[in-house]
Amino acid sequence: MVPALRDGGQIAAVRGWELHGAGNLGQDRGIEIREVFVPEYTHRRDKLDGLRVLAEDGKLALRVARTYPAEQAAAAHRALEAGGIRGRLVLTFDRQENPT
């Protein structure tokens, strides 16, 4: 992925990135790696809502390979295990107004 980035570009690593022993990873071209660890914001709805707004405005984009309703989580897991997925698999949940 690093060779495809422009000089001075950035990588947002949303899955975590092992940096030890990984070479300079484009540092000689001014490329920065930014780790995004969303769980640290689990209680910061304002931060997650800000990400949602950026995504809706087209300023933040993650490649989504396919969406599955939550009831098909097993099928999504099988697809992930099979490999060859380019992008994220996303589970969607229906919003309930009055959960019991």
N, C-alpha and C. Protein backbone atom coordinates (compact mmCIF):
# COMPACT_ATOMS: atom_id res chain seq x y z
N MET A 1 0.81 -1.18 0.00
CA MET A 1 0.00 0.00 0.00
C MET A 1 0.86 1.26 0.00
N VAL A 2 1.96 1.25 0.70
CA VAL A 2 2.81 2.44 0.82
C VAL A 2 3.29 2.93 -0.55
N PRO A 3 3.70 2.07 -1.48
CA PRO A 3 4.15 2.59 -2.77
C PRO A 3 3.07 3.37 -3.52
N ALA A 4 1.80 3.11 -3.24
CA ALA A 4 0.71 3.80 -3.94
C ALA A 4 0.43 5.19 -3.39
N LEU A 5 0.95 5.49 -2.21
CA LEU A 5 0.69 6.80 -1.59
C LEU A 5 1.59 7.87 -2.18
N ARG A 6 1.05 9.07 -2.22
CA ARG A 6 1.86 10.20 -2.68
C ARG A 6 2.85 10.58 -1.57
N ASP A 7 3.91 11.23 -1.94
CA ASP A 7 4.85 11.73 -0.95
C ASP A 7 4.12 12.66 0.01
N GLY A 8 4.38 12.51 1.30
CA GLY A 8 3.71 13.32 2.31
C GLY A 8 2.32 12.83 2.67
N GLY A 9 1.90 11.68 2.13
CA GLY A 9 0.57 11.15 2.40
C GLY A 9 0.46 10.52 3.78
N GLN A 10 -0.73 10.02 4.08
CA GLN A 10 -0.98 9.40 5.38
C GLN A 10 -1.74 8.10 5.19
N ILE A 11 -1.49 7.17 6.10
CA ILE A 11 -2.23 5.92 6.18
C ILE A 11 -2.99 5.94 7.50
N ALA A 12 -4.29 5.68 7.44
CA ALA A 12 -5.08 5.53 8.67
C ALA A 12 -5.26 4.04 8.89
N ALA A 13 -4.55 3.51 9.87
CA ALA A 13 -4.60 2.07 10.15
C ALA A 13 -5.72 1.81 11.15
N VAL A 14 -6.85 1.32 10.66
CA VAL A 14 -8.01 1.10 11.53
C VAL A 14 -8.00 -0.27 12.18
N ARG A 15 -7.13 -1.14 11.75
CA ARG A 15 -7.08 -2.49 12.29
C ARG A 15 -5.89 -2.69 13.22
N GLY A 16 -5.09 -1.69 13.35
CA GLY A 16 -3.85 -1.84 14.11
C GLY A 16 -2.72 -2.14 13.15
N TRP A 17 -1.53 -1.77 13.51
CA TRP A 17 -0.41 -1.91 12.59
C TRP A 17 0.81 -2.24 13.43
N GLU A 18 1.45 -3.35 13.13
CA GLU A 18 2.66 -3.74 13.83
C GLU A 18 3.82 -2.97 13.21
N LEU A 19 4.40 -2.06 13.96
CA LEU A 19 5.45 -1.20 13.43
C LEU A 19 6.85 -1.74 13.68
N HIS A 20 7.02 -2.61 14.65
CA HIS A 20 8.36 -3.11 14.98
C HIS A 20 8.88 -3.99 13.86
N GLY A 21 10.06 -3.68 13.37
CA GLY A 21 10.70 -4.49 12.34
C GLY A 21 10.07 -4.33 10.97
N ALA A 22 9.29 -3.29 10.77
CA ALA A 22 8.59 -3.12 9.50
C ALA A 22 9.33 -2.19 8.54
N GLY A 23 10.56 -1.85 8.85
CA GLY A 23 11.29 -0.95 7.98
C GLY A 23 10.82 0.48 8.15
N ASN A 24 11.15 1.33 7.18
CA ASN A 24 10.78 2.74 7.34
C ASN A 24 9.37 3.05 6.85
N LEU A 25 8.72 2.11 6.15
CA LEU A 25 7.33 2.27 5.71
C LEU A 25 7.05 3.63 5.07
N GLY A 26 7.96 4.09 4.26
CA GLY A 26 7.74 5.33 3.53
C GLY A 26 8.13 6.59 4.27
N GLN A 27 8.79 6.44 5.42
CA GLN A 27 9.18 7.63 6.18
C GLN A 27 10.14 8.50 5.38
N ASP A 28 10.92 7.89 4.51
CA ASP A 28 11.84 8.66 3.68
C ASP A 28 11.08 9.52 2.66
N ARG A 29 9.80 9.25 2.46
CA ARG A 29 8.96 10.04 1.56
C ARG A 29 7.97 10.91 2.34
N GLY A 30 8.14 10.98 3.65
CA GLY A 30 7.27 11.82 4.47
C GLY A 30 5.90 11.23 4.72
N ILE A 31 5.75 9.93 4.54
CA ILE A 31 4.45 9.28 4.75
C ILE A 31 4.27 9.00 6.24
N GLU A 32 3.09 9.36 6.75
CA GLU A 32 2.78 9.15 8.17
C GLU A 32 1.76 8.03 8.32
N ILE A 33 1.92 7.26 9.39
CA ILE A 33 0.95 6.22 9.73
C ILE A 33 0.21 6.68 10.97
N ARG A 34 -1.09 6.78 10.85
CA ARG A 34 -1.93 7.20 11.97
C ARG A 34 -2.78 6.02 12.39
N GLU A 35 -2.62 5.58 13.62
CA GLU A 35 -3.45 4.49 14.12
C GLU A 35 -4.78 5.03 14.62
N VAL A 36 -5.84 4.40 14.21
CA VAL A 36 -7.19 4.76 14.64
C VAL A 36 -7.69 3.63 15.52
N PHE A 37 -7.89 3.90 16.78
CA PHE A 37 -8.35 2.88 17.71
C PHE A 37 -9.69 3.33 18.27
N VAL A 38 -10.74 3.00 17.55
CA VAL A 38 -12.08 3.47 17.89
C VAL A 38 -12.54 3.03 19.28
N PRO A 39 -12.21 1.83 19.77
CA PRO A 39 -12.71 1.45 21.10
C PRO A 39 -12.37 2.44 22.21
N GLU A 40 -11.31 3.23 22.03
CA GLU A 40 -11.01 4.20 23.08
C GLU A 40 -12.06 5.31 23.13
N TYR A 41 -12.94 5.35 22.13
CA TYR A 41 -14.01 6.34 22.10
C TYR A 41 -15.39 5.73 22.31
N THR A 42 -15.47 4.53 22.87
CA THR A 42 -16.76 3.87 23.01
C THR A 42 -17.75 4.66 23.84
N HIS A 43 -17.28 5.47 24.74
CA HIS A 43 -18.17 6.27 25.57
C HIS A 43 -18.21 7.73 25.12
N ARG A 44 -17.67 8.01 23.95
CA ARG A 44 -17.64 9.38 23.41
C ARG A 44 -18.52 9.44 22.17
N ARG A 45 -19.81 9.44 22.39
CA ARG A 45 -20.74 9.46 21.27
C ARG A 45 -20.49 10.67 20.36
N ASP A 46 -20.10 11.80 20.92
CA ASP A 46 -19.84 12.98 20.11
C ASP A 46 -18.72 12.74 19.10
N LYS A 47 -17.69 11.98 19.50
CA LYS A 47 -16.58 11.68 18.59
C LYS A 47 -17.04 10.75 17.47
N LEU A 48 -17.78 9.70 17.83
CA LEU A 48 -18.27 8.76 16.82
C LEU A 48 -19.27 9.45 15.89
N ASP A 49 -20.08 10.34 16.43
CA ASP A 49 -21.02 11.09 15.61
C ASP A 49 -20.27 12.00 14.64
N GLY A 50 -19.16 12.56 15.08
CA GLY A 50 -18.33 13.37 14.19
C GLY A 50 -17.79 12.56 13.02
N LEU A 51 -17.39 11.31 13.28
CA LEU A 51 -16.93 10.43 12.20
C LEU A 51 -18.08 10.15 11.23
N ARG A 52 -19.27 9.94 11.78
CA ARG A 52 -20.44 9.69 10.92
C ARG A 52 -20.69 10.88 9.99
N VAL A 53 -20.62 12.09 10.53
CA VAL A 53 -20.85 13.29 9.73
C VAL A 53 -19.80 13.39 8.62
N LEU A 54 -18.54 13.14 8.95
CA LEU A 54 -17.48 13.18 7.93
C LEU A 54 -17.74 12.16 6.83
N ALA A 55 -18.17 10.95 7.21
CA ALA A 55 -18.46 9.92 6.22
C ALA A 55 -19.64 10.33 5.35
N GLU A 56 -20.70 10.85 5.96
CA GLU A 56 -21.87 11.28 5.19
C GLU A 56 -21.54 12.42 4.24
N ASP A 57 -20.62 13.28 4.62
CA ASP A 57 -20.21 14.40 3.77
C ASP A 57 -19.19 13.99 2.71
N GLY A 58 -18.79 12.73 2.71
CA GLY A 58 -17.82 12.25 1.72
C GLY A 58 -16.39 12.63 2.03
N LYS A 59 -16.12 13.12 3.23
CA LYS A 59 -14.77 13.52 3.61
C LYS A 59 -13.98 12.38 4.23
N LEU A 60 -14.66 11.33 4.61
CA LEU A 60 -14.03 10.14 5.19
C LEU A 60 -14.66 8.94 4.51
N ALA A 61 -13.85 8.14 3.88
CA ALA A 61 -14.41 7.00 3.17
C ALA A 61 -13.59 5.75 3.46
N LEU A 62 -14.29 4.71 3.83
CA LEU A 62 -13.69 3.40 3.96
C LEU A 62 -14.34 2.50 2.92
N ARG A 63 -13.57 1.67 2.31
CA ARG A 63 -14.12 0.78 1.30
C ARG A 63 -14.99 -0.28 1.96
N VAL A 64 -16.24 -0.34 1.54
CA VAL A 64 -17.17 -1.35 2.04
C VAL A 64 -17.39 -2.36 0.93
N ALA A 65 -17.01 -3.60 1.19
CA ALA A 65 -17.17 -4.65 0.19
C ALA A 65 -18.63 -5.09 0.10
N ARG A 66 -19.27 -5.22 1.27
CA ARG A 66 -20.66 -5.70 1.29
C ARG A 66 -21.26 -5.45 2.66
N THR A 67 -22.56 -5.24 2.69
CA THR A 67 -23.27 -5.13 3.96
C THR A 67 -24.17 -6.34 4.15
N TYR A 68 -24.32 -6.73 5.38
CA TYR A 68 -25.18 -7.86 5.75
C TYR A 68 -26.10 -7.42 6.88
N PRO A 69 -27.37 -7.86 6.87
CA PRO A 69 -28.18 -7.64 8.06
C PRO A 69 -27.59 -8.46 9.21
N ALA A 70 -27.77 -8.00 10.42
CA ALA A 70 -27.18 -8.67 11.59
C ALA A 70 -27.54 -10.15 11.64
N GLU A 71 -28.73 -10.49 11.15
CA GLU A 71 -29.16 -11.89 11.17
C GLU A 71 -28.29 -12.78 10.29
N GLN A 72 -27.54 -12.18 9.37
CA GLN A 72 -26.66 -12.94 8.48
C GLN A 72 -25.19 -12.82 8.88
N ALA A 73 -24.94 -12.58 10.16
CA ALA A 73 -23.57 -12.43 10.65
C ALA A 73 -22.73 -13.66 10.35
N ALA A 74 -23.33 -14.84 10.45
CA ALA A 74 -22.58 -16.07 10.16
C ALA A 74 -22.11 -16.10 8.71
N ALA A 75 -22.97 -15.66 7.79
CA ALA A 75 -22.59 -15.61 6.37
C ALA A 75 -21.46 -14.61 6.15
N ALA A 76 -21.53 -13.49 6.84
CA ALA A 76 -20.46 -12.49 6.73
C ALA A 76 -19.15 -13.06 7.25
N HIS A 77 -19.22 -13.79 8.33
CA HIS A 77 -18.01 -14.40 8.91
C HIS A 77 -17.42 -15.42 7.95
N ARG A 78 -18.28 -16.23 7.33
CA ARG A 78 -17.78 -17.22 6.36
C ARG A 78 -17.11 -16.52 5.17
N ALA A 79 -17.70 -15.43 4.71
CA ALA A 79 -17.10 -14.69 3.59
C ALA A 79 -15.74 -14.14 3.98
N LEU A 80 -15.63 -13.64 5.20
CA LEU A 80 -14.35 -13.11 5.68
C LEU A 80 -13.31 -14.21 5.78
N GLU A 81 -13.71 -15.37 6.31
CA GLU A 81 -12.79 -16.50 6.43
C GLU A 81 -12.34 -17.01 5.07
N ALA A 82 -13.21 -16.94 4.07
CA ALA A 82 -12.88 -17.43 2.73
C ALA A 82 -11.81 -16.57 2.07
N GLY A 83 -11.69 -15.32 2.51
CA GLY A 83 -10.67 -14.44 1.96
C GLY A 83 -11.09 -13.80 0.65
N GLY A 84 -10.21 -13.00 0.11
CA GLY A 84 -10.46 -12.34 -1.16
C GLY A 84 -11.34 -11.11 -1.06
N ILE A 85 -11.65 -10.68 0.15
CA ILE A 85 -12.51 -9.51 0.34
C ILE A 85 -11.66 -8.25 0.21
N ARG A 86 -12.11 -7.33 -0.61
CA ARG A 86 -11.44 -6.03 -0.73
C ARG A 86 -12.36 -4.99 -0.12
N GLY A 87 -12.08 -4.63 1.10
CA GLY A 87 -12.92 -3.68 1.81
C GLY A 87 -13.48 -4.32 3.07
N ARG A 88 -14.34 -3.60 3.73
CA ARG A 88 -14.92 -4.06 4.99
C ARG A 88 -16.24 -4.76 4.74
N LEU A 89 -16.51 -5.73 5.58
CA LEU A 89 -17.84 -6.32 5.64
C LEU A 89 -18.55 -5.63 6.80
N VAL A 90 -19.74 -5.16 6.56
CA VAL A 90 -20.46 -4.36 7.55
C VAL A 90 -21.76 -5.05 7.93
N LEU A 91 -21.99 -5.17 9.23
CA LEU A 91 -23.27 -5.68 9.73
C LEU A 91 -24.18 -4.49 10.00
N THR A 92 -25.41 -4.58 9.55
CA THR A 92 -26.38 -3.51 9.81
C THR A 92 -27.40 -3.99 10.83
N PHE A 93 -27.82 -3.08 11.66
CA PHE A 93 -28.77 -3.38 12.72
C PHE A 93 -29.97 -2.45 12.57
N ASP A 94 -31.16 -3.03 12.69
CA ASP A 94 -32.37 -2.20 12.68
C ASP A 94 -32.44 -1.46 14.00
N ARG A 95 -32.80 -0.22 13.92
CA ARG A 95 -32.91 0.59 15.13
C ARG A 95 -34.30 0.38 15.72
N GLN A 96 -34.33 0.05 16.98
CA GLN A 96 -35.60 -0.15 17.68
C GLN A 96 -35.87 1.07 18.54
N GLU A 97 -37.07 1.61 18.40
CA GLU A 97 -37.42 2.79 19.18
C GLU A 97 -37.58 2.48 20.66
N ASN A 98 -38.21 1.35 20.98
CA ASN A 98 -38.46 0.97 22.37
C ASN A 98 -37.94 -0.44 22.63
N PRO A 99 -36.62 -0.61 22.76
CA PRO A 99 -36.09 -1.97 22.99
C PRO A 99 -36.60 -2.52 24.31
N THR A 100 -36.82 -3.83 24.31
CA THR A 100 -37.32 -4.48 25.55
C THR A 100 -36.23 -5.25 26.22
